[in-house]
mmCIF file of all heavy atoms, coordinates in Angstrom:
data_MODEL
# 
_entry.id   MODEL 
# 
loop_
_atom_site.group_PDB 
_atom_site.id 
_atom_site.type_symbol 
_atom_site.label_atom_id 
_atom_site.label_alt_id 
_atom_site.label_comp_id 
_atom_site.label_asym_id 
_atom_site.label_entity_id 
_atom_site.label_seq_id 
_atom_site.pdbx_PDB_ins_code 
_atom_site.Cartn_x 
_atom_site.Cartn_y 
_atom_site.Cartn_z 
_atom_site.occupancy 
_atom_site.B_iso_or_equiv 
_atom_site.pdbx_formal_charge 
_atom_site.auth_seq_id 
_atom_site.auth_comp_id 
_atom_site.auth_asym_id 
_atom_site.auth_atom_id 
_atom_site.pdbx_PDB_model_num 
ATOM 1   N N   . LYS A 1 1  ? 7.501   72.706 94.702  1.00 0.00 ? 1  LYS A N   1 
ATOM 2   C CA  . LYS A 1 1  ? 7.023   72.115 95.951  1.00 0.00 ? 1  LYS A CA  1 
ATOM 3   C C   . LYS A 1 1  ? 5.985   72.971 96.667  1.00 0.00 ? 1  LYS A C   1 
ATOM 4   O O   . LYS A 1 1  ? 4.971   72.443 97.153  1.00 0.00 ? 1  LYS A O   1 
ATOM 5   C CB  . LYS A 1 1  ? 8.205   71.818 96.879  1.00 0.00 ? 1  LYS A CB  1 
ATOM 6   C CG  . LYS A 1 1  ? 7.833   71.011 98.106  1.00 0.00 ? 1  LYS A CG  1 
ATOM 7   C CD  . LYS A 1 1  ? 9.067   70.621 98.901  1.00 0.00 ? 1  LYS A CD  1 
ATOM 8   C CE  . LYS A 1 1  ? 8.676   69.779 100.118 1.00 0.00 ? 1  LYS A CE  1 
ATOM 9   N NZ  . LYS A 1 1  ? 9.889   69.372 100.894 1.00 0.00 ? 1  LYS A NZ  1 
ATOM 10  N N   . PRO A 1 2  ? 6.135   74.296 96.781  1.00 0.00 ? 2  PRO A N   1 
ATOM 11  C CA  . PRO A 1 2  ? 5.123   75.097 97.489  1.00 0.00 ? 2  PRO A CA  1 
ATOM 12  C C   . PRO A 1 2  ? 3.742   75.054 96.835  1.00 0.00 ? 2  PRO A C   1 
ATOM 13  O O   . PRO A 1 2  ? 2.735   75.321 97.495  1.00 0.00 ? 2  PRO A O   1 
ATOM 14  C CB  . PRO A 1 2  ? 5.701   76.515 97.457  1.00 0.00 ? 2  PRO A CB  1 
ATOM 15  C CG  . PRO A 1 2  ? 7.168   76.331 97.246  1.00 0.00 ? 2  PRO A CG  1 
ATOM 16  C CD  . PRO A 1 2  ? 7.292   75.121 96.378  1.00 0.00 ? 2  PRO A CD  1 
ATOM 17  N N   . ALA A 1 3  ? 3.694   74.725 95.548  1.00 0.00 ? 3  ALA A N   1 
ATOM 18  C CA  . ALA A 1 3  ? 2.406   74.731 94.840  1.00 0.00 ? 3  ALA A CA  1 
ATOM 19  C C   . ALA A 1 3  ? 1.694   73.388 94.899  1.00 0.00 ? 3  ALA A C   1 
ATOM 20  O O   . ALA A 1 3  ? 0.495   73.305 94.615  1.00 0.00 ? 3  ALA A O   1 
ATOM 21  C CB  . ALA A 1 3  ? 2.632   75.123 93.376  1.00 0.00 ? 3  ALA A CB  1 
ATOM 22  N N   . ARG A 1 4  ? 2.388   72.325 95.253  1.00 0.00 ? 4  ARG A N   1 
ATOM 23  C CA  . ARG A 1 4  ? 1.821   70.976 95.106  1.00 0.00 ? 4  ARG A CA  1 
ATOM 24  C C   . ARG A 1 4  ? 0.557   70.764 95.926  1.00 0.00 ? 4  ARG A C   1 
ATOM 25  O O   . ARG A 1 4  ? -0.356  70.058 95.496  1.00 0.00 ? 4  ARG A O   1 
ATOM 26  C CB  . ARG A 1 4  ? 2.882   69.928 95.470  1.00 0.00 ? 4  ARG A CB  1 
ATOM 27  C CG  . ARG A 1 4  ? 4.041   69.889 94.495  1.00 0.00 ? 4  ARG A CG  1 
ATOM 28  C CD  . ARG A 1 4  ? 5.153   68.962 94.960  1.00 0.00 ? 4  ARG A CD  1 
ATOM 29  N NE  . ARG A 1 4  ? 6.348   69.166 94.152  1.00 0.00 ? 4  ARG A NE  1 
ATOM 30  C CZ  . ARG A 1 4  ? 7.546   68.673 94.468  1.00 0.00 ? 4  ARG A CZ  1 
ATOM 31  N NH1 . ARG A 1 4  ? 7.694   67.940 95.573  1.00 0.00 ? 4  ARG A NH1 1 
ATOM 32  N NH2 . ARG A 1 4  ? 8.586   68.907 93.687  1.00 0.00 ? 4  ARG A NH2 1 
ATOM 33  N N   . GLU A 1 5  ? 0.473   71.344 97.096  1.00 0.00 ? 5  GLU A N   1 
ATOM 34  C CA  . GLU A 1 5  ? -0.710  71.136 97.920  1.00 0.00 ? 5  GLU A CA  1 
ATOM 35  C C   . GLU A 1 5  ? -1.946  71.814 97.329  1.00 0.00 ? 5  GLU A C   1 
ATOM 36  O O   . GLU A 1 5  ? -3.083  71.475 97.683  1.00 0.00 ? 5  GLU A O   1 
ATOM 37  C CB  . GLU A 1 5  ? -0.470  71.657 99.332  1.00 0.00 ? 5  GLU A CB  1 
ATOM 38  C CG  . GLU A 1 5  ? -0.249  73.168 99.397  1.00 0.00 ? 5  GLU A CG  1 
ATOM 39  C CD  . GLU A 1 5  ? -0.042  73.639 100.829 1.00 0.00 ? 5  GLU A CD  1 
ATOM 40  O OE1 . GLU A 1 5  ? -1.012  73.594 101.606 1.00 0.00 ? 5  GLU A OE1 1 
ATOM 41  O OE2 . GLU A 1 5  ? 1.101   74.050 101.145 1.00 0.00 ? 5  GLU A OE2 1 
ATOM 42  N N   . HIS A 1 6  ? -1.751  72.762 96.411  1.00 0.00 ? 6  HIS A N   1 
ATOM 43  C CA  . HIS A 1 6  ? -2.876  73.487 95.815  1.00 0.00 ? 6  HIS A CA  1 
ATOM 44  C C   . HIS A 1 6  ? -3.318  72.896 94.481  1.00 0.00 ? 6  HIS A C   1 
ATOM 45  O O   . HIS A 1 6  ? -4.428  73.177 94.021  1.00 0.00 ? 6  HIS A O   1 
ATOM 46  C CB  . HIS A 1 6  ? -2.486  74.951 95.589  1.00 0.00 ? 6  HIS A CB  1 
ATOM 47  C CG  . HIS A 1 6  ? -2.023  75.656 96.822  1.00 0.00 ? 6  HIS A CG  1 
ATOM 48  N ND1 . HIS A 1 6  ? -2.892  76.042 97.817  1.00 0.00 ? 6  HIS A ND1 1 
ATOM 49  C CD2 . HIS A 1 6  ? -0.769  76.028 97.230  1.00 0.00 ? 6  HIS A CD2 1 
ATOM 50  C CE1 . HIS A 1 6  ? -2.201  76.643 98.791  1.00 0.00 ? 6  HIS A CE1 1 
ATOM 51  N NE2 . HIS A 1 6  ? -0.915  76.639 98.452  1.00 0.00 ? 6  HIS A NE2 1 
ATOM 52  N N   . VAL A 1 7  ? -2.451  72.131 93.845  1.00 0.00 ? 7  VAL A N   1 
ATOM 53  C CA  . VAL A 1 7  ? -2.712  71.655 92.488  1.00 0.00 ? 7  VAL A CA  1 
ATOM 54  C C   . VAL A 1 7  ? -3.550  70.382 92.520  1.00 0.00 ? 7  VAL A C   1 
ATOM 55  O O   . VAL A 1 7  ? -3.279  69.457 93.289  1.00 0.00 ? 7  VAL A O   1 
ATOM 56  C CB  . VAL A 1 7  ? -1.386  71.411 91.738  1.00 0.00 ? 7  VAL A CB  1 
ATOM 57  C CG1 . VAL A 1 7  ? -1.658  70.781 90.364  1.00 0.00 ? 7  VAL A CG1 1 
ATOM 58  C CG2 . VAL A 1 7  ? -0.622  72.722 91.570  1.00 0.00 ? 7  VAL A CG2 1 
ATOM 59  N N   . LEU A 1 8  ? -4.560  70.354 91.656  1.00 0.00 ? 8  LEU A N   1 
ATOM 60  C CA  . LEU A 1 8  ? -5.401  69.172 91.485  1.00 0.00 ? 8  LEU A CA  1 
ATOM 61  C C   . LEU A 1 8  ? -5.090  68.518 90.138  1.00 0.00 ? 8  LEU A C   1 
ATOM 62  O O   . LEU A 1 8  ? -4.509  69.158 89.252  1.00 0.00 ? 8  LEU A O   1 
ATOM 63  C CB  . LEU A 1 8  ? -6.876  69.558 91.538  1.00 0.00 ? 8  LEU A CB  1 
ATOM 64  C CG  . LEU A 1 8  ? -7.353  70.278 92.800  1.00 0.00 ? 8  LEU A CG  1 
ATOM 65  C CD1 . LEU A 1 8  ? -8.832  70.625 92.684  1.00 0.00 ? 8  LEU A CD1 1 
ATOM 66  C CD2 . LEU A 1 8  ? -7.095  69.440 94.045  1.00 0.00 ? 8  LEU A CD2 1 
ATOM 67  N N   . GLN A 1 9  ? -5.494  67.271 89.989  1.00 0.00 ? 9  GLN A N   1 
ATOM 68  C CA  . GLN A 1 9  ? -5.224  66.562 88.743  1.00 0.00 ? 9  GLN A CA  1 
ATOM 69  C C   . GLN A 1 9  ? -6.475  65.841 88.257  1.00 0.00 ? 9  GLN A C   1 
ATOM 70  O O   . GLN A 1 9  ? -7.355  65.487 89.044  1.00 0.00 ? 9  GLN A O   1 
ATOM 71  C CB  . GLN A 1 9  ? -4.092  65.545 88.932  1.00 0.00 ? 9  GLN A CB  1 
ATOM 72  C CG  . GLN A 1 9  ? -4.442  64.405 89.878  1.00 0.00 ? 9  GLN A CG  1 
ATOM 73  C CD  . GLN A 1 9  ? -3.306  63.412 90.063  1.00 0.00 ? 9  GLN A CD  1 
ATOM 74  O OE1 . GLN A 1 9  ? -2.151  63.817 90.251  1.00 0.00 ? 9  GLN A OE1 1 
ATOM 75  N NE2 . GLN A 1 9  ? -3.614  62.127 89.995  1.00 0.00 ? 9  GLN A NE2 1 
ATOM 76  N N   . LEU A 1 10 ? -6.538  65.648 86.935  1.00 0.00 ? 10 LEU A N   1 
ATOM 77  C CA  . LEU A 1 10 ? -7.630  64.894 86.329  1.00 0.00 ? 10 LEU A CA  1 
ATOM 78  C C   . LEU A 1 10 ? -7.113  64.260 85.052  1.00 0.00 ? 10 LEU A C   1 
ATOM 79  O O   . LEU A 1 10 ? -6.548  64.948 84.192  1.00 0.00 ? 10 LEU A O   1 
ATOM 80  C CB  . LEU A 1 10 ? -8.820  65.810 86.010  1.00 0.00 ? 10 LEU A CB  1 
ATOM 81  C CG  . LEU A 1 10 ? -9.985  65.155 85.268  1.00 0.00 ? 10 LEU A CG  1 
ATOM 82  C CD1 . LEU A 1 10 ? -10.648 64.084 86.137  1.00 0.00 ? 10 LEU A CD1 1 
ATOM 83  C CD2 . LEU A 1 10 ? -11.014 66.203 84.842  1.00 0.00 ? 10 LEU A CD2 1 
ATOM 84  N N   . ASP A 1 11 ? -7.303  62.958 84.907  1.00 0.00 ? 11 ASP A N   1 
ATOM 85  C CA  . ASP A 1 11 ? -6.928  62.245 83.694  1.00 0.00 ? 11 ASP A CA  1 
ATOM 86  C C   . ASP A 1 11 ? -8.038  62.446 82.663  1.00 0.00 ? 11 ASP A C   1 
ATOM 87  O O   . ASP A 1 11 ? -9.131  61.901 82.805  1.00 0.00 ? 11 ASP A O   1 
ATOM 88  C CB  . ASP A 1 11 ? -6.738  60.761 84.009  1.00 0.00 ? 11 ASP A CB  1 
ATOM 89  C CG  . ASP A 1 11 ? -6.337  59.945 82.787  1.00 0.00 ? 11 ASP A CG  1 
ATOM 90  O OD1 . ASP A 1 11 ? -6.222  60.522 81.688  1.00 0.00 ? 11 ASP A OD1 1 
ATOM 91  O OD2 . ASP A 1 11 ? -6.134  58.721 82.937  1.00 0.00 ? 11 ASP A OD2 1 
ATOM 92  N N   . LEU A 1 12 ? -7.760  63.237 81.632  1.00 0.00 ? 12 LEU A N   1 
ATOM 93  C CA  . LEU A 1 12 ? -8.789  63.511 80.631  1.00 0.00 ? 12 LEU A CA  1 
ATOM 94  C C   . LEU A 1 12 ? -9.187  62.240 79.886  1.00 0.00 ? 12 LEU A C   1 
ATOM 95  O O   . LEU A 1 12 ? -10.332 62.090 79.461  1.00 0.00 ? 12 LEU A O   1 
ATOM 96  C CB  . LEU A 1 12 ? -8.304  64.577 79.645  1.00 0.00 ? 12 LEU A CB  1 
ATOM 97  C CG  . LEU A 1 12 ? -8.085  65.976 80.214  1.00 0.00 ? 12 LEU A CG  1 
ATOM 98  C CD1 . LEU A 1 12 ? -7.774  66.962 79.087  1.00 0.00 ? 12 LEU A CD1 1 
ATOM 99  C CD2 . LEU A 1 12 ? -9.290  66.451 81.008  1.00 0.00 ? 12 LEU A CD2 1 
ATOM 100 N N   . GLY A 1 13 ? -8.268  61.322 79.709  1.00 0.00 ? 13 GLY A N   1 
ATOM 101 C CA  . GLY A 1 13 ? -8.611  60.065 79.063  1.00 0.00 ? 13 GLY A CA  1 
ATOM 102 C C   . GLY A 1 13 ? -9.648  59.280 79.835  1.00 0.00 ? 13 GLY A C   1 
ATOM 103 O O   . GLY A 1 13 ? -10.504 58.612 79.243  1.00 0.00 ? 13 GLY A O   1 
ATOM 104 N N   . SER A 1 14 ? -9.622  59.394 81.160  1.00 0.00 ? 14 SER A N   1 
ATOM 105 C CA  . SER A 1 14 ? -10.574 58.646 81.985  1.00 0.00 ? 14 SER A CA  1 
ATOM 106 C C   . SER A 1 14 ? -11.990 59.178 81.855  1.00 0.00 ? 14 SER A C   1 
ATOM 107 O O   . SER A 1 14 ? -12.945 58.485 82.211  1.00 0.00 ? 14 SER A O   1 
ATOM 108 C CB  . SER A 1 14 ? -10.136 58.684 83.454  1.00 0.00 ? 14 SER A CB  1 
ATOM 109 O OG  . SER A 1 14 ? -10.304 59.991 84.006  1.00 0.00 ? 14 SER A OG  1 
ATOM 110 N N   . VAL A 1 15 ? -12.150 60.407 81.347  1.00 0.00 ? 15 VAL A N   1 
ATOM 111 C CA  . VAL A 1 15 ? -13.493 60.975 81.149  1.00 0.00 ? 15 VAL A CA  1 
ATOM 112 C C   . VAL A 1 15 ? -13.832 61.055 79.666  1.00 0.00 ? 15 VAL A C   1 
ATOM 113 O O   . VAL A 1 15 ? -14.754 61.766 79.262  1.00 0.00 ? 15 VAL A O   1 
ATOM 114 C CB  . VAL A 1 15 ? -13.621 62.356 81.826  1.00 0.00 ? 15 VAL A CB  1 
ATOM 115 C CG1 . VAL A 1 15 ? -13.496 62.218 83.334  1.00 0.00 ? 15 VAL A CG1 1 
ATOM 116 C CG2 . VAL A 1 15 ? -12.586 63.346 81.283  1.00 0.00 ? 15 VAL A CG2 1 
ATOM 117 N N   . GLY A 1 16 ? -13.073 60.327 78.846  1.00 0.00 ? 16 GLY A N   1 
ATOM 118 C CA  . GLY A 1 16 ? -13.402 60.196 77.441  1.00 0.00 ? 16 GLY A CA  1 
ATOM 119 C C   . GLY A 1 16 ? -12.901 61.292 76.532  1.00 0.00 ? 16 GLY A C   1 
ATOM 120 O O   . GLY A 1 16 ? -13.313 61.373 75.378  1.00 0.00 ? 16 GLY A O   1 
ATOM 121 N N   . ILE A 1 17 ? -11.996 62.137 77.009  1.00 0.00 ? 17 ILE A N   1 
ATOM 122 C CA  . ILE A 1 17 ? -11.453 63.213 76.177  1.00 0.00 ? 17 ILE A CA  1 
ATOM 123 C C   . ILE A 1 17 ? -10.112 62.760 75.624  1.00 0.00 ? 17 ILE A C   1 
ATOM 124 O O   . ILE A 1 17 ? -9.144  62.564 76.373  1.00 0.00 ? 17 ILE A O   1 
ATOM 125 C CB  . ILE A 1 17 ? -11.311 64.514 76.969  1.00 0.00 ? 17 ILE A CB  1 
ATOM 126 C CG1 . ILE A 1 17 ? -12.692 65.019 77.398  1.00 0.00 ? 17 ILE A CG1 1 
ATOM 127 C CG2 . ILE A 1 17 ? -10.592 65.583 76.138  1.00 0.00 ? 17 ILE A CG2 1 
ATOM 128 C CD1 . ILE A 1 17 ? -12.669 66.243 78.278  1.00 0.00 ? 17 ILE A CD1 1 
ATOM 129 N N   . THR A 1 18 ? -10.061 62.568 74.327  1.00 0.00 ? 18 THR A N   1 
ATOM 130 C CA  . THR A 1 18 ? -8.838  62.080 73.688  1.00 0.00 ? 18 THR A CA  1 
ATOM 131 C C   . THR A 1 18 ? -8.205  63.103 72.751  1.00 0.00 ? 18 THR A C   1 
ATOM 132 O O   . THR A 1 18 ? -7.023  62.975 72.418  1.00 0.00 ? 18 THR A O   1 
ATOM 133 C CB  . THR A 1 18 ? -9.133  60.794 72.895  1.00 0.00 ? 18 THR A CB  1 
ATOM 134 O OG1 . THR A 1 18 ? -10.161 61.055 71.929  1.00 0.00 ? 18 THR A OG1 1 
ATOM 135 C CG2 . THR A 1 18 ? -9.601  59.688 73.836  1.00 0.00 ? 18 THR A CG2 1 
ATOM 136 N N   . ASP A 1 19 ? -8.970  64.085 72.289  1.00 0.00 ? 19 ASP A N   1 
ATOM 137 C CA  . ASP A 1 19 ? -8.424  65.131 71.423  1.00 0.00 ? 19 ASP A CA  1 
ATOM 138 C C   . ASP A 1 19 ? -7.823  66.216 72.307  1.00 0.00 ? 19 ASP A C   1 
ATOM 139 O O   . ASP A 1 19 ? -8.534  67.091 72.817  1.00 0.00 ? 19 ASP A O   1 
ATOM 140 C CB  . ASP A 1 19 ? -9.524  65.709 70.528  1.00 0.00 ? 19 ASP A CB  1 
ATOM 141 C CG  . ASP A 1 19 ? -9.000  66.764 69.567  1.00 0.00 ? 19 ASP A CG  1 
ATOM 142 O OD1 . ASP A 1 19 ? -7.797  67.086 69.634  1.00 0.00 ? 19 ASP A OD1 1 
ATOM 143 O OD2 . ASP A 1 19 ? -9.794  67.274 68.756  1.00 0.00 ? 19 ASP A OD2 1 
ATOM 144 N N   . LEU A 1 20 ? -6.524  66.138 72.504  1.00 0.00 ? 20 LEU A N   1 
ATOM 145 C CA  . LEU A 1 20 ? -5.856  67.040 73.435  1.00 0.00 ? 20 LEU A CA  1 
ATOM 146 C C   . LEU A 1 20 ? -5.369  68.329 72.787  1.00 0.00 ? 20 LEU A C   1 
ATOM 147 O O   . LEU A 1 20 ? -4.725  69.144 73.442  1.00 0.00 ? 20 LEU A O   1 
ATOM 148 C CB  . LEU A 1 20 ? -4.686  66.312 74.108  1.00 0.00 ? 20 LEU A CB  1 
ATOM 149 C CG  . LEU A 1 20 ? -5.068  65.007 74.822  1.00 0.00 ? 20 LEU A CG  1 
ATOM 150 C CD1 . LEU A 1 20 ? -3.841  64.404 75.501  1.00 0.00 ? 20 LEU A CD1 1 
ATOM 151 C CD2 . LEU A 1 20 ? -6.185  65.230 75.838  1.00 0.00 ? 20 LEU A CD2 1 
ATOM 152 N N   . GLY A 1 21 ? -5.674  68.508 71.506  1.00 0.00 ? 21 GLY A N   1 
ATOM 153 C CA  . GLY A 1 21 ? -5.381  69.775 70.862  1.00 0.00 ? 21 GLY A CA  1 
ATOM 154 C C   . GLY A 1 21 ? -3.952  69.889 70.375  1.00 0.00 ? 21 GLY A C   1 
ATOM 155 O O   . GLY A 1 21 ? -3.078  69.075 70.710  1.00 0.00 ? 21 GLY A O   1 
ATOM 156 N N   . THR A 1 22 ? -3.722  70.939 69.588  1.00 0.00 ? 22 THR A N   1 
ATOM 157 C CA  . THR A 1 22 ? -2.409  71.194 68.999  1.00 0.00 ? 22 THR A CA  1 
ATOM 158 C C   . THR A 1 22 ? -2.079  72.673 69.135  1.00 0.00 ? 22 THR A C   1 
ATOM 159 O O   . THR A 1 22 ? -2.935  73.529 68.912  1.00 0.00 ? 22 THR A O   1 
ATOM 160 C CB  . THR A 1 22 ? -2.397  70.819 67.505  1.00 0.00 ? 22 THR A CB  1 
ATOM 161 O OG1 . THR A 1 22 ? -2.749  69.434 67.370  1.00 0.00 ? 22 THR A OG1 1 
ATOM 162 C CG2 . THR A 1 22 ? -1.026  71.054 66.887  1.00 0.00 ? 22 THR A CG2 1 
ATOM 163 N N   . PHE A 1 23 ? -0.845  72.958 69.489  1.00 0.00 ? 23 PHE A N   1 
ATOM 164 C CA  . PHE A 1 23 ? -0.381  74.343 69.510  1.00 0.00 ? 23 PHE A CA  1 
ATOM 165 C C   . PHE A 1 23 ? 0.094   74.707 68.105  1.00 0.00 ? 23 PHE A C   1 
ATOM 166 O O   . PHE A 1 23 ? 1.012   74.098 67.569  1.00 0.00 ? 23 PHE A O   1 
ATOM 167 C CB  . PHE A 1 23 ? 0.766   74.530 70.501  1.00 0.00 ? 23 PHE A CB  1 
ATOM 168 C CG  . PHE A 1 23 ? 0.350   74.426 71.937  1.00 0.00 ? 23 PHE A CG  1 
ATOM 169 C CD1 . PHE A 1 23 ? 0.679   73.314 72.689  1.00 0.00 ? 23 PHE A CD1 1 
ATOM 170 C CD2 . PHE A 1 23 ? -0.367  75.445 72.539  1.00 0.00 ? 23 PHE A CD2 1 
ATOM 171 C CE1 . PHE A 1 23 ? 0.301   73.213 74.011  1.00 0.00 ? 23 PHE A CE1 1 
ATOM 172 C CE2 . PHE A 1 23 ? -0.754  75.356 73.863  1.00 0.00 ? 23 PHE A CE2 1 
ATOM 173 C CZ  . PHE A 1 23 ? -0.417  74.240 74.600  1.00 0.00 ? 23 PHE A CZ  1 
ATOM 174 N N   . HIS A 1 24 ? -0.556  75.712 67.514  1.00 0.00 ? 24 HIS A N   1 
ATOM 175 C CA  . HIS A 1 24 ? -0.162  76.194 66.194  1.00 0.00 ? 24 HIS A CA  1 
ATOM 176 C C   . HIS A 1 24 ? 0.509   77.557 66.343  1.00 0.00 ? 24 HIS A C   1 
ATOM 177 O O   . HIS A 1 24 ? 0.125   78.356 67.212  1.00 0.00 ? 24 HIS A O   1 
ATOM 178 C CB  . HIS A 1 24 ? -1.383  76.352 65.292  1.00 0.00 ? 24 HIS A CB  1 
ATOM 179 C CG  . HIS A 1 24 ? -2.138  75.089 65.052  1.00 0.00 ? 24 HIS A CG  1 
ATOM 180 N ND1 . HIS A 1 24 ? -1.715  74.122 64.168  1.00 0.00 ? 24 HIS A ND1 1 
ATOM 181 C CD2 . HIS A 1 24 ? -3.305  74.631 65.573  1.00 0.00 ? 24 HIS A CD2 1 
ATOM 182 C CE1 . HIS A 1 24 ? -2.575  73.127 64.142  1.00 0.00 ? 24 HIS A CE1 1 
ATOM 183 N NE2 . HIS A 1 24 ? -3.556  73.409 64.990  1.00 0.00 ? 24 HIS A NE2 1 
ATOM 184 N N   . PRO A 1 25 ? 1.485   77.861 65.476  1.00 0.00 ? 25 PRO A N   1 
ATOM 185 C CA  . PRO A 1 25 ? 2.009   79.236 65.473  1.00 0.00 ? 25 PRO A CA  1 
ATOM 186 C C   . PRO A 1 25 ? 0.881   80.203 65.169  1.00 0.00 ? 25 PRO A C   1 
ATOM 187 O O   . PRO A 1 25 ? 0.104   79.979 64.235  1.00 0.00 ? 25 PRO A O   1 
ATOM 188 C CB  . PRO A 1 25 ? 3.038   79.214 64.335  1.00 0.00 ? 25 PRO A CB  1 
ATOM 189 C CG  . PRO A 1 25 ? 3.378   77.777 64.139  1.00 0.00 ? 25 PRO A CG  1 
ATOM 190 C CD  . PRO A 1 25 ? 2.138   77.011 64.480  1.00 0.00 ? 25 PRO A CD  1 
# 
């Protein structure tokens, strides 16, 4: 809750970014 007023959001799909990557060991 204390962080919510500072956090921004952006839908990457709305700007055409669909390759969201993969975490590999």
